Amino acid sequence: MKEVLKLIIVVLLIVIPVRVYVASPYIVAGISMNPTLENGDYLIVEKLSTPKINDVVVLTINDTLLIKRITSIENEEYFVQGDNRGNSLDSRIFGTIPKEDIKGKVLLRAYPFKTF
């Protein structure tokens, strides 16, 4: 029992800081990033690097999480668009976003495995 408790403590000391400061999982909801990302795809998003043009990022607009591609950067303001331009709520509607609204850059698609 003592060993299990030690393992739980060690896992919490590693997992929580990594999840808060380094990388987090997100699930794609919607079709705005088709065909690049599909509804239900499981993503790992890293939080350490500075996003660049063409990166796919997770961002917050009015407390709503969105996944979009950066198409332009000007003075720390990001213009983002969905890859499915006809079905995307993006900067063409809500304008540019500050860097602070970007939660992180998509590092990899962890699921489904066939498109890994």
PDB file of N, CA and C in Angstrom:
ATOM      1  N   MET A   1       0.829  -1.200   0.000  1.00  0.00           N
ATOM      2  CA  MET A   1       0.000   0.000   0.000  1.00  0.00           C
ATOM      3  C   MET A   1       0.871   1.260   0.000  1.00  0.00           C
ATOM      4  N   LYS A   2       1.977   1.193   0.764  1.00  0.00           N
ATOM      5  CA  LYS A   2       2.887   2.331   0.821  1.00  0.00           C
ATOM      6  C   LYS A   2       3.492   2.639  -0.544  1.00  0.00           C
ATOM      7  N   GLU A   3       3.840   1.591  -1.270  1.00  0.00           N
ATOM      8  CA  GLU A   3       4.438   1.756  -2.597  1.00  0.00           C
ATOM      9  C   GLU A   3       3.450   2.377  -3.581  1.00  0.00           C
ATOM     10  N   VAL A   4       2.197   1.975  -3.490  1.00  0.00           N
ATOM     11  CA  VAL A   4       1.167   2.541  -4.359  1.00  0.00           C
ATOM     12  C   VAL A   4       0.996   4.022  -4.066  1.00  0.00           C
ATOM     13  N   LEU A   5       0.982   4.395  -2.794  1.00  0.00           N
ATOM     14  CA  LEU A   5       0.859   5.798  -2.420  1.00  0.00           C
ATOM     15  C   LEU A   5       2.057   6.600  -2.926  1.00  0.00           C
ATOM     16  N   LYS A   6       3.253   6.053  -2.820  1.00  0.00           N
ATOM     17  CA  LYS A   6       4.453   6.730  -3.337  1.00  0.00           C
ATOM     18  C   LYS A   6       4.351   6.924  -4.845  1.00  0.00           C
ATOM     19  N   LEU A   7       3.895   5.901  -5.540  1.00  0.00           N
ATOM     20  CA  LEU A   7       3.740   5.986  -6.986  1.00  0.00           C
ATOM     21  C   LEU A   7       2.726   7.070  -7.366  1.00  0.00           C
ATOM     22  N   ILE A   8       1.621   7.116  -6.669  1.00  0.00           N
ATOM     23  CA  ILE A   8       0.597   8.132  -6.945  1.00  0.00           C
ATOM     24  C   ILE A   8       1.166   9.530  -6.728  1.00  0.00           C
ATOM     25  N   ILE A   9       1.904   9.725  -5.659  1.00  0.00           N
ATOM     26  CA  ILE A   9       2.492  11.039  -5.372  1.00  0.00           C
ATOM     27  C   ILE A   9       3.497  11.437  -6.455  1.00  0.00           C
ATOM     28  N   VAL A  10       4.356  10.517  -6.840  1.00  0.00           N
ATOM     29  CA  VAL A  10       5.348  10.808  -7.880  1.00  0.00           C
ATOM     30  C   VAL A  10       4.653  11.136  -9.202  1.00  0.00           C
ATOM     31  N   VAL A  11       3.650  10.354  -9.566  1.00  0.00           N
ATOM     32  CA  VAL A  11       2.911  10.610 -10.805  1.00  0.00           C
ATOM     33  C   VAL A  11       2.269  11.993 -10.761  1.00  0.00           C
ATOM     34  N   LEU A  12       1.652  12.341  -9.656  1.00  0.00           N
ATOM     35  CA  LEU A  12       1.021  13.658  -9.545  1.00  0.00           C
ATOM     36  C   LEU A  12       2.040  14.784  -9.616  1.00  0.00           C
ATOM     37  N   LEU A  13       3.192  14.574  -9.022  1.00  0.00           N
ATOM     38  CA  LEU A  13       4.234  15.609  -9.071  1.00  0.00           C
ATOM     39  C   LEU A  13       4.794  15.803 -10.471  1.00  0.00           C
ATOM     40  N   ILE A  14       4.686  14.794 -11.314  1.00  0.00           N
ATOM     41  CA  ILE A  14       5.175  14.904 -12.688  1.00  0.00           C
ATOM     42  C   ILE A  14       4.048  15.291 -13.643  1.00  0.00           C
ATOM     43  N   VAL A  15       2.932  14.618 -13.582  1.00  0.00           N
ATOM     44  CA  VAL A  15       1.846  14.804 -14.548  1.00  0.00           C
ATOM     45  C   VAL A  15       1.212  16.185 -14.444  1.00  0.00           C
ATOM     46  N   ILE A  16       0.912  16.643 -13.259  1.00  0.00           N
ATOM     47  CA  ILE A  16       0.218  17.934 -13.121  1.00  0.00           C
ATOM     48  C   ILE A  16       1.059  19.086 -13.671  1.00  0.00           C
ATOM     49  N   PRO A  17       2.333  19.239 -13.278  1.00  0.00           N
ATOM     50  CA  PRO A  17       3.124  20.335 -13.868  1.00  0.00           C
ATOM     51  C   PRO A  17       3.264  20.223 -15.388  1.00  0.00           C
ATOM     52  N   VAL A  18       3.456  19.007 -15.904  1.00  0.00           N
ATOM     53  CA  VAL A  18       3.571  18.844 -17.356  1.00  0.00           C
ATOM     54  C   VAL A  18       2.289  19.290 -18.028  1.00  0.00           C
ATOM     55  N   ARG A  19       1.170  18.863 -17.505  1.00  0.00           N
ATOM     56  CA  ARG A  19      -0.122  19.213 -18.118  1.00  0.00           C
ATOM     57  C   ARG A  19      -0.408  20.714 -18.031  1.00  0.00           C
ATOM     58  N   VAL A  20      -0.029  21.344 -16.947  1.00  0.00           N
ATOM     59  CA  VAL A  20      -0.297  22.771 -16.768  1.00  0.00           C
ATOM     60  C   VAL A  20       0.665  23.637 -17.576  1.00  0.00           C
ATOM     61  N   TYR A  21       1.949  23.268 -17.617  1.00  0.00           N
ATOM     62  CA  TYR A  21       2.955  24.157 -18.198  1.00  0.00           C
ATOM     63  C   TYR A  21       3.561  23.700 -19.527  1.00  0.00           C
ATOM     64  N   VAL A  22       3.475  22.423 -19.862  1.00  0.00           N
ATOM     65  CA  VAL A  22       4.197  21.922 -21.030  1.00  0.00           C
ATOM     66  C   VAL A  22       3.273  21.482 -22.158  1.00  0.00           C
ATOM     67  N   ALA A  23       2.347  20.580 -21.894  1.00  0.00           N
ATOM     68  CA  ALA A  23       1.488  20.042 -22.951  1.00  0.00           C
ATOM     69  C   ALA A  23       0.164  19.581 -22.373  1.00  0.00           C
ATOM     70  N   SER A  24      -0.884  19.677 -23.187  1.00  0.00           N
ATOM     71  CA  SER A  24      -2.224  19.257 -22.772  1.00  0.00           C
ATOM     72  C   SER A  24      -2.927  18.575 -23.933  1.00  0.00           C
ATOM     73  N   PRO A  25      -3.862  17.682 -23.618  1.00  0.00           N
ATOM     74  CA  PRO A  25      -4.657  17.043 -24.672  1.00  0.00           C
ATOM     75  C   PRO A  25      -5.897  17.889 -25.007  1.00  0.00           C
ATOM     76  N   TYR A  26      -6.292  17.857 -26.249  1.00  0.00           N
ATOM     77  CA  TYR A  26      -7.530  18.502 -26.705  1.00  0.00           C
ATOM     78  C   TYR A  26      -8.201  17.593 -27.719  1.00  0.00           C
ATOM     79  N   ILE A  27      -9.517  17.679 -27.805  1.00  0.00           N
ATOM     80  CA  ILE A  27     -10.279  16.907 -28.782  1.00  0.00           C
ATOM     81  C   ILE A  27     -10.914  17.886 -29.762  1.00  0.00           C
ATOM     82  N   VAL A  28     -10.771  17.605 -31.052  1.00  0.00           N
ATOM     83  CA  VAL A  28     -11.349  18.454 -32.089  1.00  0.00           C
ATOM     84  C   VAL A  28     -12.869  18.320 -32.045  1.00  0.00           C
ATOM     85  N   ALA A  29     -13.547  19.460 -32.005  1.00  0.00           N
ATOM     86  CA  ALA A  29     -15.013  19.479 -32.033  1.00  0.00           C
ATOM     87  C   ALA A  29     -15.442  20.336 -33.209  1.00  0.00           C
ATOM     88  N   GLY A  30     -15.978  19.715 -34.245  1.00  0.00           N
ATOM     89  CA  GLY A  30     -16.436  20.463 -35.405  1.00  0.00           C
ATOM     90  C   GLY A  30     -15.648  20.148 -36.659  1.00  0.00           C
ATOM     91  N   ILE A  31     -16.020  20.861 -37.731  1.00  0.00           N
ATOM     92  CA  ILE A  31     -15.448  20.568 -39.051  1.00  0.00           C
ATOM     93  C   ILE A  31     -14.631  21.712 -39.630  1.00  0.00           C
ATOM     94  N   SER A  32     -14.351  22.739 -38.836  1.00  0.00           N
ATOM     95  CA  SER A  32     -13.672  23.912 -39.391  1.00  0.00           C
ATOM     96  C   SER A  32     -12.237  23.649 -39.818  1.00  0.00           C
ATOM     97  N   MET A  33     -11.625  22.573 -39.345  1.00  0.00           N
ATOM     98  CA  MET A  33     -10.242  22.269 -39.737  1.00  0.00           C
ATOM     99  C   MET A  33     -10.153  21.100 -40.720  1.00  0.00           C
ATOM    100  N   ASN A  34     -11.296  20.625 -41.236  1.00  0.00           N
ATOM    101  CA  ASN A  34     -11.277  19.580 -42.270  1.00  0.00           C
ATOM    102  C   ASN A  34     -10.543  20.109 -43.494  1.00  0.00           C
ATOM    103  N   PRO A  35      -9.795  19.339 -44.206  1.00  0.00           N
ATOM    104  CA  PRO A  35      -9.524  17.919 -44.030  1.00  0.00           C
ATOM    105  C   PRO A  35      -8.325  17.640 -43.122  1.00  0.00           C
ATOM    106  N   THR A  36      -7.642  18.669 -42.647  1.00  0.00           N
ATOM    107  CA  THR A  36      -6.441  18.465 -41.831  1.00  0.00           C
ATOM    108  C   THR A  36      -6.748  17.732 -40.534  1.00  0.00           C
ATOM    109  N   LEU A  37      -7.760  18.210 -39.823  1.00  0.00           N
ATOM    110  CA  LEU A  37      -8.192  17.592 -38.573  1.00  0.00           C
ATOM    111  C   LEU A  37      -9.672  17.274 -38.676  1.00  0.00           C
ATOM    112  N   GLU A  38     -10.057  16.132 -38.133  1.00  0.00           N
ATOM    113  CA  GLU A  38     -11.447  15.680 -38.197  1.00  0.00           C
ATOM    114  C   GLU A  38     -12.092  15.790 -36.820  1.00  0.00           C
ATOM    115  N   ASN A  39     -13.412  15.915 -36.805  1.00  0.00           N
ATOM    116  CA  ASN A  39     -14.168  15.916 -35.566  1.00  0.00           C
ATOM    117  C   ASN A  39     -13.804  14.664 -34.763  1.00  0.00           C
ATOM    118  N   GLY A  40     -13.442  14.840 -33.496  1.00  0.00           N
ATOM    119  CA  GLY A  40     -13.094  13.714 -32.638  1.00  0.00           C
ATOM    120  C   GLY A  40     -11.617  13.382 -32.571  1.00  0.00           C
ATOM    121  N   ASP A  41     -10.783  13.989 -33.418  1.00  0.00           N
ATOM    122  CA  ASP A  41      -9.343  13.747 -33.344  1.00  0.00           C
ATOM    123  C   ASP A  41      -8.829  14.180 -31.965  1.00  0.00           C
ATOM    124  N   TYR A  42      -7.910  13.408 -31.431  1.00  0.00           N
ATOM    125  CA  TYR A  42      -7.311  13.681 -30.122  1.00  0.00           C
ATOM    126  C   TYR A  42      -5.932  14.281 -30.356  1.00  0.00           C
ATOM    127  N   LEU A  43      -5.714  15.501 -29.863  1.00  0.00           N
ATOM    128  CA  LEU A  43      -4.483  16.233 -30.130  1.00  0.00           C
ATOM    129  C   LEU A  43      -3.657  16.439 -28.871  1.00  0.00           C
ATOM    130  N   ILE A  44      -2.353  16.503 -29.031  1.00  0.00           N
ATOM    131  CA  ILE A  44      -1.460  16.930 -27.961  1.00  0.00           C
ATOM    132  C   ILE A  44      -0.959  18.317 -28.353  1.00  0.00           C
ATOM    133  N   VAL A  45      -1.173  19.267 -27.456  1.00  0.00           N
ATOM    134  CA  VAL A  45      -0.843  20.668 -27.713  1.00  0.00           C
ATOM    135  C   VAL A  45       0.262  21.090 -26.755  1.00  0.00           C
ATOM    136  N   GLU A  46       1.370  21.585 -27.318  1.00  0.00           N
ATOM    137  CA  GLU A  46       2.482  22.037 -26.482  1.00  0.00           C
ATOM    138  C   GLU A  46       2.377  23.535 -26.258  1.00  0.00           C
ATOM    139  N   LYS A  47       2.807  23.966 -25.079  1.00  0.00           N
ATOM    140  CA  LYS A  47       2.596  25.345 -24.640  1.00  0.00           C
ATOM    141  C   LYS A  47       3.865  26.188 -24.559  1.00  0.00           C
ATOM    142  N   LEU A  48       5.010  25.646 -24.917  1.00  0.00           N
ATOM    143  CA  LEU A  48       6.268  26.347 -24.673  1.00  0.00           C
ATOM    144  C   LEU A  48       6.753  27.218 -25.822  1.00  0.00           C
ATOM    145  N   SER A  49       6.512  26.811 -27.064  1.00  0.00           N
ATOM    146  CA  SER A  49       7.073  27.549 -28.200  1.00  0.00           C
ATOM    147  C   SER A  49       6.183  28.715 -28.613  1.00  0.00           C
ATOM    148  N   THR A  50       6.780  29.654 -29.325  1.00  0.00           N
ATOM    149  CA  THR A  50       6.036  30.781 -29.869  1.00  0.00           C
ATOM    150  C   THR A  50       5.455  30.370 -31.212  1.00  0.00           C
ATOM    151  N   PRO A  51       4.130  30.483 -31.390  1.00  0.00           N
ATOM    152  CA  PRO A  51       3.506  30.064 -32.650  1.00  0.00           C
ATOM    153  C   PRO A  51       3.974  30.906 -33.833  1.00  0.00           C
ATOM    154  N   LYS A  52       4.064  30.242 -34.993  1.00  0.00           N
ATOM    155  CA  LYS A  52       4.485  30.896 -36.230  1.00  0.00           C
ATOM    156  C   LYS A  52       3.388  30.740 -37.284  1.00  0.00           C
ATOM    157  N   ILE A  53       3.569  31.442 -38.394  1.00  0.00           N
ATOM    158  CA  ILE A  53       2.632  31.312 -39.513  1.00  0.00           C
ATOM    159  C   ILE A  53       2.597  29.854 -39.961  1.00  0.00           C
ATOM    160  N   ASN A  54       1.415  29.370 -40.222  1.00  0.00           N
ATOM    161  CA  ASN A  54       1.088  28.018 -40.670  1.00  0.00           C
ATOM    162  C   ASN A  54       0.975  27.001 -39.534  1.00  0.00           C
ATOM    163  N   ASP A  55       1.279  27.396 -38.300  1.00  0.00           N
ATOM    164  CA  ASP A  55       1.066  26.493 -37.164  1.00  0.00           C
ATOM    165  C   ASP A  55      -0.428  26.373 -36.886  1.00  0.00           C
ATOM    166  N   VAL A  56      -0.839  25.190 -36.450  1.00  0.00           N
ATOM    167  CA  VAL A  56      -2.212  24.977 -35.994  1.00  0.00           C
ATOM    168  C   VAL A  56      -2.186  25.141 -34.483  1.00  0.00           C
ATOM    169  N   VAL A  57      -3.080  25.990 -33.968  1.00  0.00           N
ATOM    170  CA  VAL A  57      -3.075  26.335 -32.548  1.00  0.00           C
ATOM    171  C   VAL A  57      -4.453  26.159 -31.925  1.00  0.00           C
ATOM    172  N   VAL A  58      -4.444  26.011 -30.610  1.00  0.00           N
ATOM    173  CA  VAL A  58      -5.676  26.047 -29.822  1.00  0.00           C
ATOM    174  C   VAL A  58      -5.737  27.433 -29.201  1.00  0.00           C
ATOM    175  N   LEU A  59      -6.888  28.084 -29.314  1.00  0.00           N
ATOM    176  CA  LEU A  59      -7.040  29.432 -28.796  1.00  0.00           C
ATOM    177  C   LEU A  59      -8.391  29.584 -28.112  1.00  0.00           C
ATOM    178  N   THR A  60      -8.528  30.670 -27.381  1.00  0.00           N
ATOM    179  CA  THR A  60      -9.784  30.956 -26.687  1.00  0.00           C
ATOM    180  C   THR A  60     -10.361  32.259 -27.213  1.00  0.00           C
ATOM    181  N   ILE A  61     -11.636  32.205 -27.607  1.00  0.00           N
ATOM    182  CA  ILE A  61     -12.393  33.392 -27.984  1.00  0.00           C
ATOM    183  C   ILE A  61     -13.677  33.377 -27.159  1.00  0.00           C
ATOM    184  N   ASN A  62     -13.882  34.394 -26.343  1.00  0.00           N
ATOM    185  CA  ASN A  62     -15.074  34.469 -25.495  1.00  0.00           C
ATOM    186  C   ASN A  62     -15.325  33.172 -24.731  1.00  0.00           C
ATOM    187  N   ASP A  63     -14.298  32.659 -24.080  1.00  0.00           N
ATOM    188  CA  ASP A  63     -14.370  31.424 -23.278  1.00  0.00           C
ATOM    189  C   ASP A  63     -14.680  30.177 -24.095  1.00  0.00           C
ATOM    190  N   THR A  64     -14.516  30.238 -25.416  1.00  0.00           N
ATOM    191  CA  THR A  64     -14.718  29.082 -26.283  1.00  0.00           C
ATOM    192  C   THR A  64     -13.384  28.657 -26.869  1.00  0.00           C
ATOM    193  N   LEU A  65     -13.065  27.367 -26.751  1.00  0.00           N
ATOM    194  CA  LEU A  65     -11.830  26.850 -27.343  1.00  0.00           C
ATOM    195  C   LEU A  65     -12.033  26.600 -28.831  1.00  0.00           C
ATOM    196  N   LEU A  66     -11.094  27.067 -29.631  1.00  0.00           N
ATOM    197  CA  LEU A  66     -11.110  26.853 -31.077  1.00  0.00           C
ATOM    198  C   LEU A  66      -9.757  26.323 -31.513  1.00  0.00           C
ATOM    199  N   ILE A  67      -9.752  25.599 -32.625  1.00  0.00           N
ATOM    200  CA  ILE A  67      -8.508  25.126 -33.223  1.00  0.00           C
ATOM    201  C   ILE A  67      -8.436  25.715 -34.624  1.00  0.00           C
ATOM    202  N   LYS A  68      -7.387  26.488 -34.883  1.00  0.00           N
ATOM    203  CA  LYS A  68      -7.247  27.207 -36.157  1.00  0.00           C
ATOM    204  C   LYS A  68      -5.791  27.230 -36.596  1.00  0.00           C
ATOM    205  N   ARG A  69      -5.585  27.640 -37.846  1.00  0.00           N
ATOM    206  CA  ARG A  69      -4.242  27.788 -38.415  1.00  0.00           C
ATOM    207  C   ARG A  69      -3.886  29.275 -38.442  1.00  0.00           C
ATOM    208  N   ILE A  70      -2.671  29.602 -38.041  1.00  0.00           N
ATOM    209  CA  ILE A  70      -2.196  30.985 -38.107  1.00  0.00           C
ATOM    210  C   ILE A  70      -1.846  31.297 -39.549  1.00  0.00           C
ATOM    211  N   THR A  71      -2.482  32.319 -40.115  1.00  0.00           N
ATOM    212  CA  THR A  71      -2.204  32.689 -41.501  1.00  0.00           C
ATOM    213  C   THR A  71      -1.444  34.010 -41.616  1.00  0.00           C
ATOM    214  N   SER A  72      -1.401  34.777 -40.517  1.00  0.00           N
ATOM    215  CA  SER A  72      -0.683  36.045 -40.545  1.00  0.00           C
ATOM    216  C   SER A  72      -0.376  36.475 -39.110  1.00  0.00           C
ATOM    217  N   ILE A  73       0.757  37.153 -38.945  1.00  0.00           N
ATOM    218  CA  ILE A  73       1.132  37.704 -37.636  1.00  0.00           C
ATOM    219  C   ILE A  73       1.598  39.131 -37.865  1.00  0.00           C
ATOM    220  N   GLU A  74       1.029  40.043 -37.076  1.00  0.00           N
ATOM    221  CA  GLU A  74       1.434  41.438 -37.189  1.00  0.00           C
ATOM    222  C   GLU A  74       1.402  42.079 -35.803  1.00  0.00           C
ATOM    223  N   ASN A  75       2.550  42.522 -35.314  1.00  0.00           N
ATOM    224  CA  ASN A  75       2.649  43.188 -34.012  1.00  0.00           C
ATOM    225  C   ASN A  75       2.043  42.364 -32.875  1.00  0.00           C
ATOM    226  N   GLU A  76       2.444  41.097 -32.764  1.00  0.00           N
ATOM    227  CA  GLU A  76       1.941  40.205 -31.711  1.00  0.00           C
ATOM    228  C   GLU A  76       0.439  39.937 -31.802  1.00  0.00           C
ATOM    229  N   GLU A  77      -0.175  40.264 -32.926  1.00  0.00           N
ATOM    230  CA  GLU A  77      -1.588  39.950 -33.171  1.00  0.00           C
ATOM    231  C   GLU A  77      -1.645  38.875 -34.242  1.00  0.00           C
ATOM    232  N   TYR A  78      -2.451  37.861 -34.006  1.00  0.00           N
ATOM    233  CA  TYR A  78      -2.507  36.698 -34.881  1.00  0.00           C
ATOM    234  C   TYR A  78      -3.821  36.665 -35.656  1.00  0.00           C
ATOM    235  N   PHE A  79      -3.721  36.432 -36.958  1.00  0.00           N
ATOM    236  CA  PHE A  79      -4.890  36.222 -37.814  1.00  0.00           C
ATOM    237  C   PHE A  79      -4.968  34.724 -38.031  1.00  0.00           C
ATOM    238  N   VAL A  80      -6.079  34.118 -37.622  1.00  0.00           N
ATOM    239  CA  VAL A  80      -6.227  32.664 -37.693  1.00  0.00           C
ATOM    240  C   VAL A  80      -7.429  32.295 -38.549  1.00  0.00           C
ATOM    241  N   GLN A  81      -7.324  31.162 -39.237  1.00  0.00           N
ATOM    242  CA  GLN A  81      -8.416  30.674 -40.072  1.00  0.00           C
ATOM    243  C   GLN A  81      -8.506  29.160 -39.965  1.00  0.00           C
ATOM    244  N   GLY A  82      -9.721  28.648 -40.130  1.00  0.00           N
ATOM    245  CA  GLY A  82      -9.903  27.214 -40.242  1.00  0.00           C
ATOM    246  C   GLY A  82      -9.520  26.768 -41.640  1.00  0.00           C
ATOM    247  N   ASP A  83      -9.067  25.540 -41.785  1.00  0.00           N
ATOM    248  CA  ASP A  83      -8.714  25.020 -43.106  1.00  0.00           C
ATOM    249  C   ASP A  83      -9.946  24.829 -43.982  1.00  0.00           C
ATOM    250  N   ASN A  84     -11.099  24.626 -43.376  1.00  0.00           N
ATOM    251  CA  ASN A  84     -12.367  24.487 -44.091  1.00  0.00           C
ATOM    252  C   ASN A  84     -13.004  25.880 -44.137  1.00  0.00           C
ATOM    253  N   ARG A  85     -12.502  26.738 -45.018  1.00  0.00           N
ATOM    254  CA  ARG A  85     -12.864  28.154 -45.032  1.00  0.00           C
ATOM    255  C   ARG A  85     -14.372  28.425 -45.096  1.00  0.00           C
ATOM    256  N   GLY A  86     -15.122  27.557 -45.748  1.00  0.00           N
ATOM    257  CA  GLY A  86     -16.564  27.764 -45.866  1.00  0.00           C
ATOM    258  C   GLY A  86     -17.342  27.474 -44.597  1.00  0.00           C
ATOM    259  N   ASN A  87     -16.719  26.784 -43.638  1.00  0.00           N
ATOM    260  CA  ASN A  87     -17.395  26.409 -42.392  1.00  0.00           C
ATOM    261  C   ASN A  87     -16.512  26.698 -41.186  1.00  0.00           C
ATOM    262  N   SER A  88     -16.032  27.928 -41.077  1.00  0.00           N
ATOM    263  CA  SER A  88     -15.107  28.243 -39.998  1.00  0.00           C
ATOM    264  C   SER A  88     -15.407  29.601 -39.380  1.00  0.00           C
ATOM    265  N   LEU A  89     -15.529  29.603 -38.058  1.00  0.00           N
ATOM    266  CA  LEU A  89     -15.581  30.837 -37.283  1.00  0.00           C
ATOM    267  C   LEU A  89     -14.132  31.194 -37.000  1.00  0.00           C
ATOM    268  N   ASP A  90     -13.650  32.278 -37.614  1.00  0.00           N
ATOM    269  CA  ASP A  90     -12.230  32.600 -37.490  1.00  0.00           C
ATOM    270  C   ASP A  90     -12.001  34.102 -37.544  1.00  0.00           C
ATOM    271  N   SER A  91     -10.757  34.525 -37.747  1.00  0.00           N
ATOM    272  CA  SER A  91     -10.404  35.948 -37.715  1.00  0.00           C
ATOM    273  C   SER A  91     -11.121  36.784 -38.764  1.00  0.00           C
ATOM    274  N   ARG A  92     -11.647  36.148 -39.803  1.00  0.00           N
ATOM    275  CA  ARG A  92     -12.432  36.901 -40.777  1.00  0.00           C
ATOM    276  C   ARG A  92     -13.704  37.431 -40.131  1.00  0.00           C
ATOM    277  N   ILE A  93     -14.114  36.820 -39.016  1.00  0.00           N
ATOM    278  CA  ILE A  93     -15.326  37.240 -38.305  1.00  0.00           C
ATOM    279  C   ILE A  93     -14.973  38.002 -37.029  1.00  0.00           C
ATOM    280  N   PHE A  94     -14.078  37.442 -36.191  1.00  0.00           N
ATOM    281  CA  PHE A  94     -13.800  38.069 -34.894  1.00  0.00           C
ATOM    282  C   PHE A  94     -12.513  38.892 -34.871  1.00  0.00           C
ATOM    283  N   GLY A  95     -11.796  38.983 -35.977  1.00  0.00           N
ATOM    284  CA  GLY A  95     -10.591  39.804 -36.043  1.00  0.00           C
ATOM    285  C   GLY A  95      -9.362  39.094 -35.499  1.00  0.00           C
ATOM    286  N   THR A  96      -8.281  39.844 -35.365  1.00  0.00           N
ATOM    287  CA  THR A  96      -7.030  39.270 -34.880  1.00  0.00           C
ATOM    288  C   THR A  96      -7.140  38.959 -33.392  1.00  0.00           C
ATOM    289  N   ILE A  97      -6.245  38.095 -32.929  1.00  0.00           N
ATOM    290  CA  ILE A  97      -6.241  37.731 -31.517  1.00  0.00           C
ATOM    291  C   ILE A  97      -4.857  37.989 -30.925  1.00  0.00           C
ATOM    292  N   PRO A  98      -4.804  38.357 -29.650  1.00  0.00           N
ATOM    293  CA  PRO A  98      -3.498  38.551 -29.014  1.00  0.00           C
ATOM    294  C   PRO A  98      -2.846  37.215 -28.693  1.00  0.00           C
ATOM    295  N   LYS A  99      -1.538  37.225 -28.556  1.00  0.00           N
ATOM    296  CA  LYS A  99      -0.779  36.012 -28.248  1.00  0.00           C
ATOM    297  C   LYS A  99      -1.289  35.341 -26.966  1.00  0.00           C
ATOM    298  N   GLU A 100      -1.745  36.128 -26.002  1.00  0.00           N
ATOM    299  CA  GLU A 100      -2.217  35.601 -24.726  1.00  0.00           C
ATOM    300  C   GLU A 100      -3.418  34.672 -24.888  1.00  0.00           C
ATOM    301  N   ASP A 101      -4.176  34.817 -25.978  1.00  0.00           N
ATOM    302  CA  ASP A 101      -5.355  33.977 -26.202  1.00  0.00           C
ATOM    303  C   ASP A 101      -5.004  32.617 -26.805  1.00  0.00           C
ATOM    304  N   ILE A 102      -3.747  32.443 -27.195  1.00  0.00           N
ATOM    305  CA  ILE A 102      -3.314  31.163 -27.761  1.00  0.00           C
ATOM    306  C   ILE A 102      -2.867  30.254 -26.622  1.00  0.00           C
ATOM    307  N   LYS A 103      -3.508  29.106 -26.523  1.00  0.00           N
ATOM    308  CA  LYS A 103      -3.206  28.137 -25.456  1.00  0.00           C
ATOM    309  C   LYS A 103      -1.994  27.280 -25.800  1.00  0.00           C
ATOM    310  N   GLY A 104      -1.755  27.062 -27.084  1.00  0.00           N
ATOM    311  CA  GLY A 104      -0.613  26.258 -27.483  1.00  0.00           C
ATOM    312  C   GLY A 104      -0.702  25.836 -28.930  1.00  0.00           C
ATOM    313  N   LYS A 105       0.372  25.218 -29.379  1.00  0.00           N
ATOM    314  CA  LYS A 105       0.510  24.765 -30.758  1.00  0.00           C
ATOM    315  C   LYS A 105       0.288  23.254 -30.814  1.00  0.00           C
ATOM    316  N   VAL A 106      -0.456  22.808 -31.829  1.00  0.00           N
ATOM    317  CA  VAL A 106      -0.693  21.376 -31.976  1.00  0.00           C
ATOM    318  C   VAL A 106       0.633  20.699 -32.305  1.00  0.00           C
ATOM    319  N   LEU A 107       1.009  19.771 -31.448  1.00  0.00           N
ATOM    320  CA  LEU A 107       2.263  19.044 -31.614  1.00  0.00           C
ATOM    321  C   LEU A 107       2.040  17.782 -32.436  1.00  0.00           C
ATOM    322  N   LEU A 108       0.956  17.060 -32.115  1.00  0.00           N
ATOM    323  CA  LEU A 108       0.661  15.846 -32.866  1.00  0.00           C
ATOM    324  C   LEU A 108      -0.782  15.425 -32.666  1.00  0.00           C
ATOM    325  N   ARG A 109      -1.238  14.626 -33.613  1.00  0.00           N
ATOM    326  CA  ARG A 109      -2.556  14.002 -33.512  1.00  0.00           C
ATOM    327  C   ARG A 109      -2.296  12.622 -32.922  1.00  0.00           C
ATOM    328  N   ALA A 110      -2.774  12.397 -31.704  1.00  0.00           N
ATOM    329  CA  ALA A 110      -2.504  11.138 -31.019  1.00  0.00           C
ATOM    330  C   ALA A 110      -3.522  10.051 -31.360  1.00  0.00           C
ATOM    331  N   TYR A 111      -4.696  10.462 -31.816  1.00  0.00           N
ATOM    332  CA  TYR A 111      -5.744   9.500 -32.162  1.00  0.00           C
ATOM    333  C   TYR A 111      -6.660  10.137 -33.197  1.00  0.00           C
ATOM    334  N   PRO A 112      -7.121   9.490 -34.195  1.00  0.00           N
ATOM    335  CA  PRO A 112      -7.008   8.063 -34.463  1.00  0.00           C
ATOM    336  C   PRO A 112      -5.620   7.707 -34.992  1.00  0.00           C
ATOM    337  N   PHE A 113      -5.222   6.469 -34.731  1.00  0.00           N
ATOM    338  CA  PHE A 113      -3.887   6.002 -35.075  1.00  0.00           C
ATOM    339  C   PHE A 113      -3.638   5.955 -36.584  1.00  0.00           C
ATOM    340  N   LYS A 114      -4.659   5.731 -37.370  1.00  0.00           N
ATOM    341  CA  LYS A 114      -4.463   5.598 -38.815  1.00  0.00           C
ATOM    342  C   LYS A 114      -3.957   6.896 -39.447  1.00  0.00           C
ATOM    343  N   THR A 115      -4.174   8.032 -38.783  1.00  0.00           N
ATOM    344  CA  THR A 115      -3.717   9.315 -39.316  1.00  0.00           C
ATOM    345  C   THR A 115      -2.632   9.927 -38.456  1.00  0.00           C
ATOM    346  N   PHE A 116      -2.001   9.141 -37.633  1.00  0.00           N
ATOM    347  CA  PHE A 116      -0.965   9.597 -36.703  1.00  0.00           C
ATOM    348  C   PHE A 116       0.180  10.184 -37.424  1.00  0.00           C
TER     349      PHE A 116
END
